[in-house]
N, C-alpha and C. Protein backbone atom coordinates (compact mmCIF):
# COMPACT_ATOMS: atom_id res chain seq x y z
N UNK A 1 112.02 111.10 79.41
CA UNK A 1 111.53 110.61 78.15
C UNK A 1 112.33 111.23 77.01
N UNK A 2 113.16 110.49 76.41
CA UNK A 2 114.00 111.01 75.35
C UNK A 2 113.13 111.49 74.21
N UNK A 3 113.32 112.74 73.80
CA UNK A 3 112.53 113.28 72.72
C UNK A 3 111.09 113.53 73.15
N UNK A 4 110.83 113.59 74.44
CA UNK A 4 109.50 113.83 74.96
C UNK A 4 108.49 112.89 74.33
N UNK A 5 108.68 111.60 74.54
CA UNK A 5 107.77 110.59 74.02
C UNK A 5 106.35 110.87 74.49
N UNK A 6 105.40 110.82 73.54
CA UNK A 6 104.00 111.00 73.88
C UNK A 6 103.38 109.62 74.03
N UNK A 7 102.90 109.31 75.22
CA UNK A 7 102.37 107.99 75.48
C UNK A 7 100.91 107.88 75.07
N UNK A 8 100.55 106.73 74.53
CA UNK A 8 99.18 106.47 74.10
C UNK A 8 98.65 105.25 74.82
N UNK A 9 97.39 105.30 75.21
CA UNK A 9 96.76 104.17 75.89
C UNK A 9 96.78 102.94 74.98
N UNK A 10 97.09 101.79 75.58
CA UNK A 10 97.14 100.48 74.92
C UNK A 10 98.39 100.26 74.06
N UNK A 11 99.32 101.21 74.08
CA UNK A 11 100.58 101.05 73.37
C UNK A 11 101.68 100.63 74.35
N UNK A 12 102.66 99.87 73.82
CA UNK A 12 103.78 99.38 74.63
C UNK A 12 105.00 100.29 74.50
N UNK A 13 105.77 100.42 75.60
CA UNK A 13 106.97 101.25 75.62
C UNK A 13 108.06 100.58 76.45
N UNK A 14 109.28 100.74 75.99
CA UNK A 14 110.45 100.30 76.75
C UNK A 14 110.92 101.52 77.54
N UNK A 15 110.78 101.47 78.85
CA UNK A 15 111.14 102.61 79.71
C UNK A 15 112.35 102.23 80.56
N UNK A 16 113.25 103.16 80.71
CA UNK A 16 114.47 102.86 81.46
C UNK A 16 115.08 104.12 82.04
N UNK A 17 115.85 103.93 83.10
CA UNK A 17 116.54 105.05 83.73
C UNK A 17 117.73 104.51 84.51
N UNK A 18 118.64 105.40 84.85
CA UNK A 18 119.83 105.01 85.61
C UNK A 18 120.05 105.98 86.75
N UNK A 19 120.94 105.60 87.64
CA UNK A 19 121.27 106.47 88.75
C UNK A 19 122.03 107.71 88.27
N UNK A 20 121.82 108.81 88.95
CA UNK A 20 122.56 110.04 88.63
C UNK A 20 124.06 109.78 88.72
N UNK A 21 124.80 110.26 87.72
CA UNK A 21 126.25 110.04 87.65
C UNK A 21 126.59 108.55 87.60
N UNK A 22 125.63 107.75 87.08
CA UNK A 22 125.80 106.30 86.95
C UNK A 22 126.07 105.63 88.30
N UNK A 23 125.59 106.25 89.36
CA UNK A 23 125.81 105.71 90.70
C UNK A 23 125.04 104.41 90.89
N UNK A 24 125.51 103.58 91.82
CA UNK A 24 124.83 102.35 92.17
C UNK A 24 123.54 102.70 92.92
N UNK A 25 122.42 102.17 92.46
CA UNK A 25 121.14 102.45 93.10
C UNK A 25 120.55 101.21 93.79
N UNK A 26 121.10 100.05 93.47
CA UNK A 26 120.69 98.82 94.16
C UNK A 26 121.95 98.20 94.76
N UNK A 27 122.12 98.39 96.07
CA UNK A 27 123.35 97.97 96.74
C UNK A 27 123.29 96.56 97.31
N UNK A 28 122.10 96.10 97.63
CA UNK A 28 121.99 94.77 98.26
C UNK A 28 120.62 94.18 97.95
N UNK A 29 120.39 92.98 98.44
CA UNK A 29 119.15 92.27 98.14
C UNK A 29 117.92 93.00 98.66
N UNK A 30 118.09 93.79 99.72
CA UNK A 30 116.97 94.52 100.28
C UNK A 30 116.54 95.66 99.35
N UNK A 31 117.51 96.30 98.69
CA UNK A 31 117.20 97.36 97.73
C UNK A 31 116.43 96.79 96.54
N UNK A 32 116.93 95.68 96.01
CA UNK A 32 116.24 95.04 94.89
C UNK A 32 114.81 94.65 95.29
N UNK A 33 114.67 94.06 96.47
CA UNK A 33 113.35 93.63 96.94
C UNK A 33 112.41 94.81 97.10
N UNK A 34 112.90 95.93 97.62
CA UNK A 34 112.05 97.12 97.80
C UNK A 34 111.56 97.64 96.45
N UNK A 35 112.44 97.69 95.46
CA UNK A 35 112.02 98.21 94.16
C UNK A 35 110.97 97.30 93.54
N UNK A 36 111.14 95.98 93.66
CA UNK A 36 110.15 95.05 93.13
C UNK A 36 108.82 95.21 93.87
N UNK A 37 108.89 95.41 95.17
CA UNK A 37 107.66 95.69 95.93
C UNK A 37 106.94 96.90 95.36
N UNK A 38 107.71 97.93 95.03
CA UNK A 38 107.13 99.18 94.53
C UNK A 38 106.57 99.03 93.12
N UNK A 39 107.16 98.16 92.31
CA UNK A 39 106.60 97.91 90.98
C UNK A 39 105.17 97.40 91.11
N UNK A 40 104.92 96.66 92.16
CA UNK A 40 103.56 96.16 92.40
C UNK A 40 102.70 97.21 93.11
N UNK A 41 103.17 97.74 94.22
CA UNK A 41 102.36 98.61 95.06
C UNK A 41 102.03 99.96 94.41
N UNK A 42 102.94 100.49 93.62
CA UNK A 42 102.75 101.81 93.03
C UNK A 42 101.95 101.79 91.73
N UNK A 43 101.55 100.61 91.32
CA UNK A 43 100.85 100.50 90.04
C UNK A 43 99.35 100.71 90.19
N UNK A 44 98.97 101.86 90.74
CA UNK A 44 97.58 102.28 90.84
C UNK A 44 97.57 103.67 91.46
N UNK A 45 96.39 104.30 91.45
CA UNK A 45 96.26 105.64 92.04
C UNK A 45 96.10 105.58 93.55
N UNK A 46 95.94 104.38 94.09
CA UNK A 46 95.75 104.25 95.54
C UNK A 46 96.99 104.71 96.30
N UNK A 47 96.76 105.39 97.41
CA UNK A 47 97.87 105.83 98.25
C UNK A 47 98.32 104.67 99.14
N UNK A 48 99.60 104.40 99.12
CA UNK A 48 100.16 103.34 99.95
C UNK A 48 101.01 103.98 101.05
N UNK A 49 100.56 103.87 102.29
CA UNK A 49 101.31 104.45 103.40
C UNK A 49 102.54 103.62 103.72
N UNK A 50 103.70 104.27 103.78
CA UNK A 50 104.95 103.55 104.05
C UNK A 50 104.89 102.84 105.39
N UNK A 51 104.28 103.45 106.39
CA UNK A 51 104.19 102.84 107.71
C UNK A 51 103.36 101.56 107.67
N UNK A 52 102.31 101.57 106.82
CA UNK A 52 101.46 100.38 106.70
C UNK A 52 102.20 99.27 105.99
N UNK A 53 102.94 99.63 104.93
CA UNK A 53 103.69 98.64 104.15
C UNK A 53 104.78 98.00 105.00
N UNK A 54 105.38 98.78 105.89
CA UNK A 54 106.47 98.27 106.72
C UNK A 54 106.02 97.11 107.60
N UNK A 55 104.73 97.03 107.86
CA UNK A 55 104.21 95.96 108.71
C UNK A 55 103.92 94.68 107.92
N UNK A 56 103.96 94.79 106.59
CA UNK A 56 103.66 93.62 105.74
C UNK A 56 104.97 92.95 105.37
N UNK A 57 105.03 91.65 105.53
CA UNK A 57 106.27 90.92 105.31
C UNK A 57 106.16 89.92 104.17
N UNK A 58 107.31 89.70 103.51
CA UNK A 58 107.44 88.63 102.52
C UNK A 58 106.41 88.65 101.41
N UNK A 59 105.84 87.48 101.13
CA UNK A 59 104.92 87.29 100.02
C UNK A 59 103.64 88.12 100.17
N UNK A 60 103.29 88.47 101.41
CA UNK A 60 102.03 89.19 101.66
C UNK A 60 102.00 90.55 100.98
N UNK A 61 103.16 91.12 100.69
CA UNK A 61 103.20 92.43 100.04
C UNK A 61 102.50 92.38 98.69
N UNK A 62 102.54 91.21 98.04
CA UNK A 62 101.95 91.06 96.71
C UNK A 62 100.48 90.64 96.76
N UNK A 63 99.91 90.70 97.96
CA UNK A 63 98.49 90.41 98.12
C UNK A 63 97.71 91.66 98.49
N UNK A 64 98.39 92.79 98.60
CA UNK A 64 97.74 94.06 98.93
C UNK A 64 96.83 94.48 97.79
N UNK A 65 95.61 94.90 98.12
CA UNK A 65 94.67 95.39 97.11
C UNK A 65 95.12 96.78 96.64
N UNK A 66 95.23 96.95 95.31
CA UNK A 66 95.77 98.20 94.79
C UNK A 66 94.76 99.06 94.05
N UNK A 67 93.71 98.47 93.53
CA UNK A 67 92.82 99.22 92.65
C UNK A 67 93.27 99.04 91.20
N UNK A 68 92.66 99.80 90.29
CA UNK A 68 92.96 99.67 88.86
C UNK A 68 94.39 100.11 88.56
N UNK A 69 95.16 99.27 87.86
CA UNK A 69 96.57 99.60 87.59
C UNK A 69 96.75 100.70 86.55
N UNK A 70 97.82 101.44 86.70
CA UNK A 70 98.20 102.47 85.72
C UNK A 70 98.70 101.83 84.43
N UNK A 71 99.49 100.75 84.59
CA UNK A 71 100.18 100.14 83.45
C UNK A 71 100.11 98.62 83.52
N UNK A 72 100.34 97.99 82.39
CA UNK A 72 100.59 96.55 82.33
C UNK A 72 102.10 96.39 82.22
N UNK A 73 102.67 95.53 83.06
CA UNK A 73 104.11 95.30 83.03
C UNK A 73 104.37 93.97 82.35
N UNK A 74 105.12 94.02 81.24
CA UNK A 74 105.41 92.81 80.48
C UNK A 74 106.74 92.18 80.83
N UNK A 75 107.69 92.99 81.28
CA UNK A 75 109.02 92.48 81.64
C UNK A 75 109.75 93.57 82.42
N UNK A 76 110.73 93.15 83.20
CA UNK A 76 111.56 94.13 83.91
C UNK A 76 112.90 93.50 84.23
N UNK A 77 113.88 94.36 84.47
CA UNK A 77 115.20 93.91 84.91
C UNK A 77 115.84 95.03 85.71
N UNK A 78 116.36 94.69 86.87
CA UNK A 78 117.04 95.65 87.73
C UNK A 78 118.53 95.33 87.73
N UNK A 79 119.32 96.31 87.33
CA UNK A 79 120.77 96.19 87.32
C UNK A 79 121.34 97.10 88.41
N UNK A 80 122.60 96.92 88.80
CA UNK A 80 123.12 97.72 89.91
C UNK A 80 122.92 99.23 89.78
N UNK A 81 123.08 99.79 88.56
CA UNK A 81 122.95 101.24 88.43
C UNK A 81 121.84 101.70 87.48
N UNK A 82 120.97 100.77 87.05
CA UNK A 82 119.86 101.17 86.18
C UNK A 82 118.78 100.10 86.17
N UNK A 83 117.67 100.42 85.51
CA UNK A 83 116.60 99.44 85.38
C UNK A 83 115.89 99.59 84.04
N UNK A 84 115.25 98.51 83.62
CA UNK A 84 114.48 98.46 82.37
C UNK A 84 113.07 97.96 82.68
N UNK A 85 112.07 98.57 82.06
CA UNK A 85 110.69 98.15 82.21
C UNK A 85 110.00 98.10 80.85
N UNK A 86 109.19 97.11 80.62
CA UNK A 86 108.37 97.01 79.42
C UNK A 86 106.93 97.28 79.86
N UNK A 87 106.38 98.43 79.43
CA UNK A 87 105.10 98.91 79.96
C UNK A 87 104.09 99.20 78.87
N UNK A 88 102.82 98.89 79.17
CA UNK A 88 101.70 99.29 78.32
C UNK A 88 100.82 100.23 79.13
N UNK A 89 100.52 101.38 78.56
CA UNK A 89 99.69 102.36 79.27
C UNK A 89 98.24 101.89 79.29
N UNK A 90 97.65 101.83 80.48
CA UNK A 90 96.26 101.39 80.63
C UNK A 90 95.32 102.56 80.91
N UNK A 91 95.86 103.63 81.46
CA UNK A 91 95.08 104.83 81.74
C UNK A 91 95.80 106.03 81.13
N UNK A 92 95.06 107.03 80.77
CA UNK A 92 95.67 108.26 80.24
C UNK A 92 96.68 108.79 81.25
N UNK A 93 97.92 108.97 80.80
CA UNK A 93 98.97 109.46 81.69
C UNK A 93 99.51 108.41 82.65
N UNK A 94 99.11 107.16 82.45
CA UNK A 94 99.47 106.10 83.39
C UNK A 94 100.96 105.85 83.52
N UNK A 95 101.68 105.82 82.39
CA UNK A 95 103.12 105.53 82.46
C UNK A 95 103.85 106.61 83.22
N UNK A 96 103.56 107.87 82.94
CA UNK A 96 104.23 108.96 83.62
C UNK A 96 103.94 108.96 85.11
N UNK A 97 102.68 108.71 85.46
CA UNK A 97 102.30 108.66 86.88
C UNK A 97 102.99 107.51 87.59
N UNK A 98 103.01 106.35 86.94
CA UNK A 98 103.63 105.17 87.53
C UNK A 98 105.13 105.38 87.74
N UNK A 99 105.81 105.87 86.72
CA UNK A 99 107.25 106.07 86.82
C UNK A 99 107.59 107.09 87.89
N UNK A 100 106.79 108.15 87.98
CA UNK A 100 107.03 109.16 89.01
C UNK A 100 106.81 108.59 90.41
N UNK A 101 105.74 107.82 90.56
CA UNK A 101 105.40 107.27 91.87
C UNK A 101 106.46 106.28 92.34
N UNK A 102 106.90 105.40 91.45
CA UNK A 102 107.95 104.43 91.80
C UNK A 102 109.26 105.15 92.12
N UNK A 103 109.64 106.10 91.26
CA UNK A 103 110.90 106.82 91.44
C UNK A 103 110.97 107.57 92.75
N UNK A 104 109.90 108.28 93.09
CA UNK A 104 109.88 109.05 94.33
C UNK A 104 109.90 108.12 95.55
N UNK A 105 109.09 107.07 95.50
CA UNK A 105 109.01 106.15 96.64
C UNK A 105 110.35 105.46 96.88
N UNK A 106 111.01 105.04 95.80
CA UNK A 106 112.29 104.34 95.99
C UNK A 106 113.37 105.33 96.44
N UNK A 107 113.38 106.54 95.89
CA UNK A 107 114.38 107.54 96.29
C UNK A 107 114.24 107.88 97.77
N UNK A 108 113.00 107.97 98.25
CA UNK A 108 112.79 108.26 99.67
C UNK A 108 113.37 107.13 100.54
N UNK A 109 113.11 105.91 100.13
CA UNK A 109 113.66 104.75 100.85
C UNK A 109 115.19 104.76 100.81
N UNK A 110 115.75 104.93 99.62
CA UNK A 110 117.21 104.86 99.43
C UNK A 110 117.90 105.99 100.18
N UNK A 111 117.35 107.20 100.10
CA UNK A 111 117.98 108.35 100.75
C UNK A 111 117.97 108.21 102.27
N UNK A 112 116.86 107.72 102.80
CA UNK A 112 116.78 107.53 104.25
C UNK A 112 117.78 106.47 104.70
N UNK A 113 117.87 105.41 103.93
CA UNK A 113 118.77 104.30 104.28
C UNK A 113 120.24 104.73 104.20
N UNK A 114 120.56 105.61 103.25
CA UNK A 114 121.95 105.96 103.00
C UNK A 114 122.31 107.39 103.42
N UNK A 115 121.42 108.02 104.18
CA UNK A 115 121.67 109.36 104.72
C UNK A 115 122.08 110.34 103.62
N UNK A 116 121.25 110.43 102.59
CA UNK A 116 121.50 111.35 101.49
C UNK A 116 120.23 112.10 101.15
N UNK A 117 120.36 113.14 100.31
CA UNK A 117 119.20 113.91 99.87
C UNK A 117 119.29 114.10 98.36
N UNK A 118 118.17 114.47 97.76
CA UNK A 118 118.17 114.80 96.34
C UNK A 118 117.68 113.68 95.45
N UNK A 119 117.67 113.98 94.15
CA UNK A 119 117.22 113.00 93.16
C UNK A 119 118.17 111.80 93.12
N UNK A 120 117.62 110.65 92.80
CA UNK A 120 118.42 109.43 92.70
C UNK A 120 118.58 108.99 91.25
N UNK A 121 117.49 109.11 90.48
CA UNK A 121 117.51 108.69 89.08
C UNK A 121 117.57 109.90 88.15
N UNK A 122 118.19 109.69 86.98
CA UNK A 122 118.25 110.73 85.96
C UNK A 122 116.83 111.07 85.51
N UNK A 123 116.55 112.34 85.38
CA UNK A 123 115.24 112.80 84.92
C UNK A 123 115.41 113.63 83.65
N UNK A 124 114.47 113.50 82.72
CA UNK A 124 113.35 112.57 82.73
C UNK A 124 113.81 111.16 82.35
N UNK A 125 113.00 110.15 82.68
CA UNK A 125 113.32 108.79 82.28
C UNK A 125 113.20 108.69 80.76
N UNK A 126 113.81 107.69 80.18
CA UNK A 126 113.76 107.51 78.74
C UNK A 126 112.73 106.46 78.35
N UNK A 127 112.19 106.60 77.17
CA UNK A 127 111.17 105.66 76.71
C UNK A 127 111.21 105.54 75.19
N UNK A 128 110.97 104.32 74.70
CA UNK A 128 110.90 104.06 73.26
C UNK A 128 109.61 103.32 72.96
N UNK A 129 108.89 103.82 71.98
CA UNK A 129 107.64 103.17 71.58
C UNK A 129 107.94 101.85 70.89
N UNK A 130 107.12 100.85 71.15
CA UNK A 130 107.31 99.53 70.56
C UNK A 130 106.17 99.25 69.59
N UNK A 131 106.52 98.97 68.36
CA UNK A 131 105.51 98.69 67.34
C UNK A 131 105.76 97.30 66.77
N UNK A 132 104.72 96.48 66.74
CA UNK A 132 104.84 95.15 66.16
C UNK A 132 105.18 94.09 67.18
N UNK A 133 104.58 92.89 67.02
CA UNK A 133 104.80 91.79 67.96
C UNK A 133 106.25 91.31 67.96
N UNK A 134 106.89 91.30 66.78
CA UNK A 134 108.27 90.84 66.70
C UNK A 134 109.19 91.72 67.51
N UNK A 135 109.06 93.03 67.36
CA UNK A 135 109.88 93.98 68.10
C UNK A 135 109.58 93.87 69.59
N UNK A 136 108.31 93.68 69.91
CA UNK A 136 107.88 93.55 71.30
C UNK A 136 108.61 92.40 71.98
N UNK A 137 108.65 91.26 71.34
CA UNK A 137 109.32 90.09 71.93
C UNK A 137 110.83 90.28 72.01
N UNK A 138 111.41 90.95 71.00
CA UNK A 138 112.86 91.19 71.03
C UNK A 138 113.24 92.10 72.18
N UNK A 139 112.41 93.11 72.43
CA UNK A 139 112.70 94.01 73.55
C UNK A 139 112.63 93.26 74.87
N UNK A 140 111.64 92.37 75.01
CA UNK A 140 111.54 91.57 76.23
C UNK A 140 112.78 90.71 76.40
N UNK A 141 113.27 90.13 75.32
CA UNK A 141 114.47 89.31 75.39
C UNK A 141 115.69 90.15 75.75
N UNK A 142 115.80 91.34 75.15
CA UNK A 142 116.90 92.24 75.46
C UNK A 142 116.90 92.59 76.95
N UNK A 143 115.73 92.90 77.49
CA UNK A 143 115.61 93.24 78.90
C UNK A 143 116.06 92.07 79.78
N UNK A 144 115.61 90.89 79.44
CA UNK A 144 115.93 89.72 80.26
C UNK A 144 117.40 89.31 80.18
N UNK A 145 118.07 89.68 79.09
CA UNK A 145 119.48 89.28 78.94
C UNK A 145 120.45 90.35 79.45
N UNK A 146 119.94 91.45 79.98
CA UNK A 146 120.81 92.49 80.51
C UNK A 146 121.82 91.99 81.53
N UNK A 147 121.45 91.08 82.44
CA UNK A 147 122.40 90.63 83.47
C UNK A 147 123.62 89.89 82.92
N UNK A 148 123.58 89.48 81.65
CA UNK A 148 124.73 88.78 81.07
C UNK A 148 125.99 89.63 81.22
N UNK A 149 125.85 90.95 81.09
CA UNK A 149 127.00 91.84 81.17
C UNK A 149 127.66 91.81 82.54
N UNK A 150 126.92 91.41 83.57
CA UNK A 150 127.51 91.30 84.91
C UNK A 150 128.49 90.14 84.99
N UNK A 151 128.25 89.10 84.19
CA UNK A 151 129.05 87.89 84.25
C UNK A 151 130.02 87.75 83.08
N UNK A 152 129.69 88.36 81.95
CA UNK A 152 130.53 88.28 80.75
C UNK A 152 130.72 89.67 80.16
N UNK A 153 131.71 90.43 80.66
CA UNK A 153 131.94 91.81 80.20
C UNK A 153 132.19 91.92 78.70
N UNK A 154 132.68 90.84 78.08
CA UNK A 154 132.97 90.89 76.65
C UNK A 154 131.83 90.43 75.78
N UNK A 155 130.67 90.28 76.37
CA UNK A 155 129.47 89.77 75.71
C UNK A 155 129.17 90.49 74.40
N UNK A 156 129.13 91.82 74.42
CA UNK A 156 128.75 92.58 73.24
C UNK A 156 129.90 92.74 72.24
N UNK A 157 131.06 92.21 72.60
CA UNK A 157 132.17 92.13 71.65
C UNK A 157 132.27 90.71 71.09
N UNK A 158 131.26 89.90 71.38
CA UNK A 158 131.22 88.54 70.84
C UNK A 158 132.08 87.55 71.60
N UNK A 159 132.53 87.93 72.82
CA UNK A 159 133.37 87.03 73.60
C UNK A 159 132.59 86.46 74.77
N UNK A 160 132.80 85.19 75.02
CA UNK A 160 132.09 84.54 76.11
C UNK A 160 132.92 83.35 76.59
N UNK A 161 132.78 83.03 77.87
CA UNK A 161 133.50 81.88 78.43
C UNK A 161 132.72 80.61 78.21
N UNK A 162 132.15 80.08 79.26
CA UNK A 162 131.38 78.84 79.19
C UNK A 162 129.89 79.15 79.12
N UNK A 163 129.25 78.78 78.03
CA UNK A 163 127.84 79.09 77.81
C UNK A 163 126.95 78.43 78.87
N UNK A 164 127.28 77.21 79.26
CA UNK A 164 126.48 76.51 80.25
C UNK A 164 126.56 77.18 81.62
N UNK A 165 127.75 77.62 81.98
CA UNK A 165 127.93 78.32 83.25
C UNK A 165 127.13 79.62 83.24
N UNK A 166 127.20 80.33 82.11
CA UNK A 166 126.47 81.58 81.98
C UNK A 166 124.96 81.34 82.09
N UNK A 167 124.49 80.31 81.41
CA UNK A 167 123.06 79.99 81.46
C UNK A 167 122.62 79.74 82.89
N UNK A 168 123.41 79.03 83.64
CA UNK A 168 123.07 78.73 85.03
C UNK A 168 122.99 80.00 85.88
N UNK A 169 123.93 80.92 85.64
CA UNK A 169 123.93 82.18 86.39
C UNK A 169 122.70 83.01 86.07
N UNK A 170 122.33 83.07 84.79
CA UNK A 170 121.17 83.84 84.40
C UNK A 170 119.90 83.23 84.98
N UNK A 171 119.85 81.91 85.04
CA UNK A 171 118.69 81.22 85.61
C UNK A 171 118.51 81.54 87.09
N UNK A 172 119.58 81.94 87.74
CA UNK A 172 119.52 82.21 89.17
C UNK A 172 119.58 83.71 89.49
N UNK A 173 119.48 84.54 88.46
CA UNK A 173 119.43 85.99 88.68
C UNK A 173 118.00 86.36 89.08
N UNK A 174 117.82 86.84 90.29
CA UNK A 174 116.49 87.01 90.86
C UNK A 174 115.83 88.35 90.57
N UNK A 175 116.57 89.28 89.96
CA UNK A 175 116.07 90.65 89.88
C UNK A 175 115.53 91.02 88.51
N UNK A 176 115.00 90.05 87.79
CA UNK A 176 114.30 90.32 86.53
C UNK A 176 113.08 89.41 86.48
N UNK A 177 112.25 89.62 85.48
CA UNK A 177 111.05 88.81 85.33
C UNK A 177 111.31 87.53 84.55
N UNK A 178 112.55 87.28 84.15
CA UNK A 178 112.84 86.07 83.38
C UNK A 178 112.42 84.82 84.14
N UNK A 179 112.65 84.79 85.45
CA UNK A 179 112.29 83.61 86.23
C UNK A 179 110.80 83.28 86.11
N UNK A 180 109.99 84.31 85.98
CA UNK A 180 108.55 84.09 85.85
C UNK A 180 108.22 83.44 84.51
N UNK A 181 109.01 83.74 83.49
CA UNK A 181 108.82 83.12 82.17
C UNK A 181 109.42 81.72 82.12
N UNK A 182 110.28 81.42 83.08
CA UNK A 182 110.85 80.08 83.18
C UNK A 182 110.04 79.22 84.14
N UNK A 183 108.87 79.72 84.52
CA UNK A 183 107.92 78.99 85.37
C UNK A 183 108.44 78.71 86.77
N UNK A 184 109.29 79.60 87.28
CA UNK A 184 109.75 79.48 88.67
C UNK A 184 108.63 80.02 89.57
N UNK A 185 108.25 79.27 90.58
CA UNK A 185 107.19 79.68 91.49
C UNK A 185 107.71 80.76 92.44
N UNK A 186 107.14 81.97 92.36
CA UNK A 186 107.52 83.02 93.30
C UNK A 186 106.42 84.08 93.34
N UNK A 187 106.36 84.79 94.47
CA UNK A 187 105.30 85.77 94.68
C UNK A 187 105.36 86.92 93.69
N UNK A 188 106.57 87.28 93.25
CA UNK A 188 106.75 88.42 92.35
C UNK A 188 106.07 88.25 90.99
N UNK A 189 105.60 87.06 90.68
CA UNK A 189 104.97 86.82 89.39
C UNK A 189 103.77 87.74 89.15
N UNK A 190 103.11 88.19 90.23
CA UNK A 190 101.92 89.04 90.06
C UNK A 190 102.27 90.45 89.61
N UNK A 191 103.54 90.79 89.61
CA UNK A 191 103.95 92.09 89.07
C UNK A 191 103.60 92.17 87.59
N UNK A 192 103.71 91.04 86.91
CA UNK A 192 103.50 91.00 85.46
C UNK A 192 102.02 90.93 85.09
N UNK A 193 101.72 91.53 83.95
CA UNK A 193 100.39 91.45 83.37
C UNK A 193 100.20 90.07 82.74
N UNK A 194 99.09 89.42 83.04
CA UNK A 194 98.87 88.04 82.58
C UNK A 194 98.82 87.94 81.06
N UNK A 195 98.13 88.87 80.42
CA UNK A 195 98.03 88.84 78.96
C UNK A 195 99.40 89.01 78.31
N UNK A 196 100.19 89.94 78.83
CA UNK A 196 101.52 90.17 78.29
C UNK A 196 102.41 88.96 78.51
N UNK A 197 102.27 88.36 79.67
CA UNK A 197 103.07 87.17 79.99
C UNK A 197 102.77 86.03 79.01
N UNK A 198 101.51 85.87 78.66
CA UNK A 198 101.14 84.83 77.69
C UNK A 198 101.70 85.14 76.32
N UNK A 199 101.67 86.43 75.94
CA UNK A 199 102.15 86.83 74.62
C UNK A 199 103.66 86.64 74.50
N UNK A 200 104.40 87.08 75.50
CA UNK A 200 105.86 86.97 75.48
C UNK A 200 106.29 85.52 75.64
N UNK A 201 105.58 84.80 76.50
CA UNK A 201 105.95 83.41 76.77
C UNK A 201 105.67 82.47 75.61
N UNK A 202 104.72 82.84 74.73
CA UNK A 202 104.39 81.99 73.59
C UNK A 202 105.58 81.90 72.63
N UNK A 203 106.00 80.71 72.34
CA UNK A 203 107.11 80.45 71.41
C UNK A 203 108.42 81.06 71.88
N UNK A 204 108.54 81.29 73.17
CA UNK A 204 109.80 81.82 73.71
C UNK A 204 110.88 80.74 73.61
N UNK A 205 112.02 81.08 73.01
CA UNK A 205 113.10 80.08 72.87
C UNK A 205 113.61 79.62 74.24
N UNK A 206 114.21 78.45 74.28
CA UNK A 206 114.85 78.00 75.49
C UNK A 206 115.99 78.96 75.82
N UNK A 207 116.34 79.05 77.08
CA UNK A 207 117.33 80.04 77.51
C UNK A 207 118.67 79.84 76.80
N UNK A 208 119.13 78.60 76.66
CA UNK A 208 120.42 78.39 76.00
C UNK A 208 120.36 78.83 74.54
N UNK A 209 119.22 78.62 73.88
CA UNK A 209 119.05 79.05 72.50
C UNK A 209 119.01 80.57 72.41
N UNK A 210 118.37 81.19 73.37
CA UNK A 210 118.28 82.65 73.41
C UNK A 210 119.66 83.27 73.59
N UNK A 211 120.45 82.71 74.49
CA UNK A 211 121.80 83.22 74.72
C UNK A 211 122.67 83.05 73.49
N UNK A 212 122.60 81.89 72.87
CA UNK A 212 123.42 81.63 71.69
C UNK A 212 123.02 82.53 70.53
N UNK A 213 121.72 82.72 70.35
CA UNK A 213 121.23 83.59 69.29
C UNK A 213 121.72 85.02 69.47
N UNK A 214 121.66 85.51 70.72
CA UNK A 214 122.12 86.86 71.01
C UNK A 214 123.62 86.99 70.80
N UNK A 215 124.38 85.98 71.20
CA UNK A 215 125.82 86.00 71.03
C UNK A 215 126.19 86.05 69.55
N UNK A 216 125.50 85.25 68.73
CA UNK A 216 125.75 85.24 67.29
C UNK A 216 125.42 86.60 66.67
N UNK A 217 124.38 87.23 67.19
CA UNK A 217 123.99 88.55 66.70
C UNK A 217 125.13 89.56 66.93
N UNK A 218 125.68 89.56 68.15
CA UNK A 218 126.75 90.50 68.45
C UNK A 218 128.02 90.19 67.64
N UNK A 219 128.29 88.92 67.42
CA UNK A 219 129.45 88.57 66.62
C UNK A 219 129.28 89.00 65.17
N UNK A 220 128.07 88.88 64.65
CA UNK A 220 127.80 89.29 63.27
C UNK A 220 128.00 90.79 63.10
N UNK A 221 127.71 91.56 64.17
CA UNK A 221 127.89 93.01 64.09
C UNK A 221 129.35 93.39 63.93
N UNK A 222 130.25 92.51 64.37
CA UNK A 222 131.67 92.80 64.32
C UNK A 222 132.33 92.37 63.00
N UNK A 223 131.61 91.62 62.17
CA UNK A 223 132.18 91.11 60.93
C UNK A 223 131.79 91.98 59.74
């Protein structure tokens, strides 16, 4: 938590972290899937036995009873060496408990898979308080547009190739919650808080408009 952010119940925060030494923490589709599973399973005080979870396959993982959630998740995006989460604290200390639980569970999985030991993510994680509905929606859009950098390295310098091609790639990026806001049917939709989803989804620009608006913003910064 940069600057030791003090979390308050019912307040929203942009939380993010990266791999130690900027290392790749999501190497394949199985890594991404495991982390998304954990975003759902770790969002409560209930103990989830790894051996029990290993027996649950596919969509059924998102039907496991968890108990009262620590946080409301409004948006998320997983990148090869970092991740972004938009979280509202629902219980006292909920964000810290949730982030610790997810981080430890994923590190145990990753270390066992890759024959390594030690911390995987930079500690402490960083967090920024979000005030106001306008800022809230902008942060959600920023999170959802993170994958653009994978396809257009010159994005933040105002350079882009084919906007339509880029839009298509972003529409098919499976490791963020954007697909849930684009009404794609998938089991991962239950990761998101319903109230937050309605708030962010209301008046959400079309994807091509969102991309163009962001591109114009970066170009204006250079002039």
